[in-house]
Amino acid sequence: MTDAKRERRSGQRVPVQVPVSLKATSDAGASSGLTRDLSRGGVFLYTDAQIIAGSEIEMVLILPPEITMSEQQWVCCRASVVRVENGQEGKGFGVAASIRSMDILPEIPS
C-alpha cells in the first residue's frame, strides 16, 4: 500500500445517519446536519452551512449503540475540520472532522 493510500483514521467508521447540531467557533449561528458515518475519533457529515477547512466546530449529537457498545448517549464534541467538499444529491457540503474531545451529556427525563 502506498503512503498516499494509507488509512489515517484511528477508529473504524460506522455508516450511520444521525442528526447533528453544529456551530463553528468563528461563527455566531448554529446549523444542523446529518452524519454519513462516524467513530469516536471522527465524523463525516452533510450540512448546508459553509464551513471552512481548518475551522473548529462544536457538535451535539446522539451516539448510537454501534459506537458506544452499550446504550445511545447524547454527546457534545469539539472537532477540527479536516476537509470540506461539495455535497452529493443536493446535500449541501460534506464535512470531514477529527474529534478532539467528547463530553457525555446528561439525559433529560421527558
Protein backbone atom coordinates (compact mmCIF):
# COMPACT_ATOMS: atom_id res chain seq x y z
CA MET A 1 0.00 0.00 0.00
CA THR A 2 1.40 3.42 -0.93
CA ASP A 3 1.74 6.23 1.60
CA ALA A 4 -0.94 8.24 -0.25
CA LYS A 5 -3.47 5.43 0.23
CA ARG A 6 -2.62 4.53 3.84
CA GLU A 7 -5.59 4.71 6.23
CA ARG A 8 -5.19 7.59 8.70
CA ARG A 9 -8.31 7.01 10.79
CA SER A 10 -7.73 5.94 14.38
CA GLY A 11 -11.03 4.07 14.65
CA GLN A 12 -13.38 2.23 12.36
CA ARG A 13 -16.16 4.42 10.97
CA VAL A 14 -19.73 3.18 11.29
CA PRO A 15 -22.09 4.16 8.46
CA VAL A 16 -24.97 5.75 10.38
CA GLN A 17 -27.23 8.74 9.78
CA VAL A 18 -27.65 10.78 12.96
CA PRO A 19 -28.98 14.37 13.15
CA VAL A 20 -26.35 16.78 14.44
CA SER A 21 -26.46 20.37 15.66
CA LEU A 22 -23.22 22.19 14.92
CA LYS A 23 -21.60 25.55 15.38
CA ALA A 24 -18.31 26.81 14.01
CA THR A 25 -16.41 28.57 16.78
CA SER A 26 -15.75 31.50 14.42
CA ASP A 27 -19.48 31.89 13.63
CA ALA A 28 -22.27 33.11 15.90
CA GLY A 29 -25.01 30.99 14.32
CA ALA A 30 -25.84 27.33 14.75
CA SER A 31 -26.77 24.98 11.94
CA SER A 32 -27.78 21.39 11.52
CA GLY A 33 -26.56 18.42 9.56
CA LEU A 34 -26.75 14.68 9.14
CA THR A 35 -23.88 12.28 9.62
CA ARG A 36 -22.86 9.87 6.89
CA ASP A 37 -20.50 7.92 9.14
CA LEU A 38 -18.82 8.37 12.48
CA SER A 39 -16.45 6.91 15.04
CA ARG A 40 -15.16 8.01 18.40
CA GLY A 41 -12.35 9.85 16.61
CA GLY A 42 -14.02 11.39 13.58
CA VAL A 43 -17.15 12.19 11.63
CA PHE A 44 -18.27 12.87 8.09
CA LEU A 45 -21.48 14.86 7.83
CA TYR A 46 -23.57 16.79 5.36
CA THR A 47 -24.71 20.34 6.14
CA ASP A 48 -25.94 23.43 4.32
CA ALA A 49 -23.59 25.60 6.40
CA GLN A 50 -20.44 26.87 4.70
CA ILE A 51 -17.66 25.68 6.98
CA ILE A 52 -14.00 26.26 6.13
CA ALA A 53 -11.36 23.52 6.34
CA GLY A 54 -9.21 24.14 9.40
CA SER A 55 -12.16 25.56 11.39
CA GLU A 56 -13.01 24.40 14.87
CA ILE A 57 -16.59 23.21 15.35
CA GLU A 58 -18.76 22.10 18.24
CA MET A 59 -21.38 19.39 17.64
CA VAL A 60 -24.21 17.91 19.69
CA LEU A 61 -25.49 14.52 18.62
CA ILE A 62 -26.61 11.11 19.84
CA LEU A 63 -24.00 8.38 19.58
CA PRO A 64 -25.74 5.15 18.58
CA PRO A 65 -25.14 1.79 20.32
CA GLU A 66 -22.80 0.76 17.46
CA ILE A 67 -20.33 3.38 18.69
CA THR A 68 -20.90 3.29 22.47
CA MET A 69 -21.10 -0.53 22.65
CA SER A 70 -23.99 -0.04 25.09
CA GLU A 71 -26.90 2.41 25.05
CA GLN A 72 -27.13 5.52 22.91
CA GLN A 73 -25.64 8.66 24.50
CA TRP A 74 -26.01 12.39 23.92
CA VAL A 75 -22.58 13.98 23.47
CA CYS A 76 -21.03 17.37 22.82
CA CYS A 77 -17.91 17.12 20.66
CA ARG A 78 -15.24 19.63 19.75
CA ALA A 79 -13.62 18.88 16.41
CA SER A 80 -11.25 20.23 13.77
CA VAL A 81 -12.50 20.33 10.19
CA VAL A 82 -10.09 18.33 8.03
CA ARG A 83 -11.83 18.53 4.66
CA VAL A 84 -14.85 20.18 3.02
CA GLU A 85 -16.30 19.02 -0.29
CA ASN A 86 -19.37 19.73 -2.36
CA GLY A 87 -22.22 17.51 -1.22
CA GLN A 88 -23.89 14.95 -3.41
CA GLU A 89 -27.54 14.91 -4.44
CA GLY A 90 -28.28 18.38 -3.09
CA LYS A 91 -26.93 17.69 0.40
CA GLY A 92 -25.04 20.98 0.70
CA PHE A 93 -21.46 20.41 1.82
CA GLY A 94 -19.65 17.31 3.01
CA VAL A 95 -17.54 17.96 6.11
CA ALA A 96 -14.88 15.60 7.48
CA ALA A 97 -13.78 16.42 11.01
CA SER A 98 -11.39 14.95 13.55
CA ILE A 99 -12.93 14.85 17.04
CA ARG A 100 -10.59 16.36 19.67
CA SER A 101 -12.81 15.98 22.74
CA MET A 102 -16.15 14.49 23.66
CA ASP A 103 -18.31 15.17 26.72
CA ILE A 104 -21.23 12.92 27.61
CA LEU A 105 -24.36 14.99 28.25
CA PRO A 106 -26.90 14.03 30.92
CA GLU A 107 -30.22 12.56 29.84
CA ILE A 108 -33.16 14.88 30.33
CA PRO A 109 -36.20 12.95 31.58
CA SER A 110 -39.29 13.51 29.46
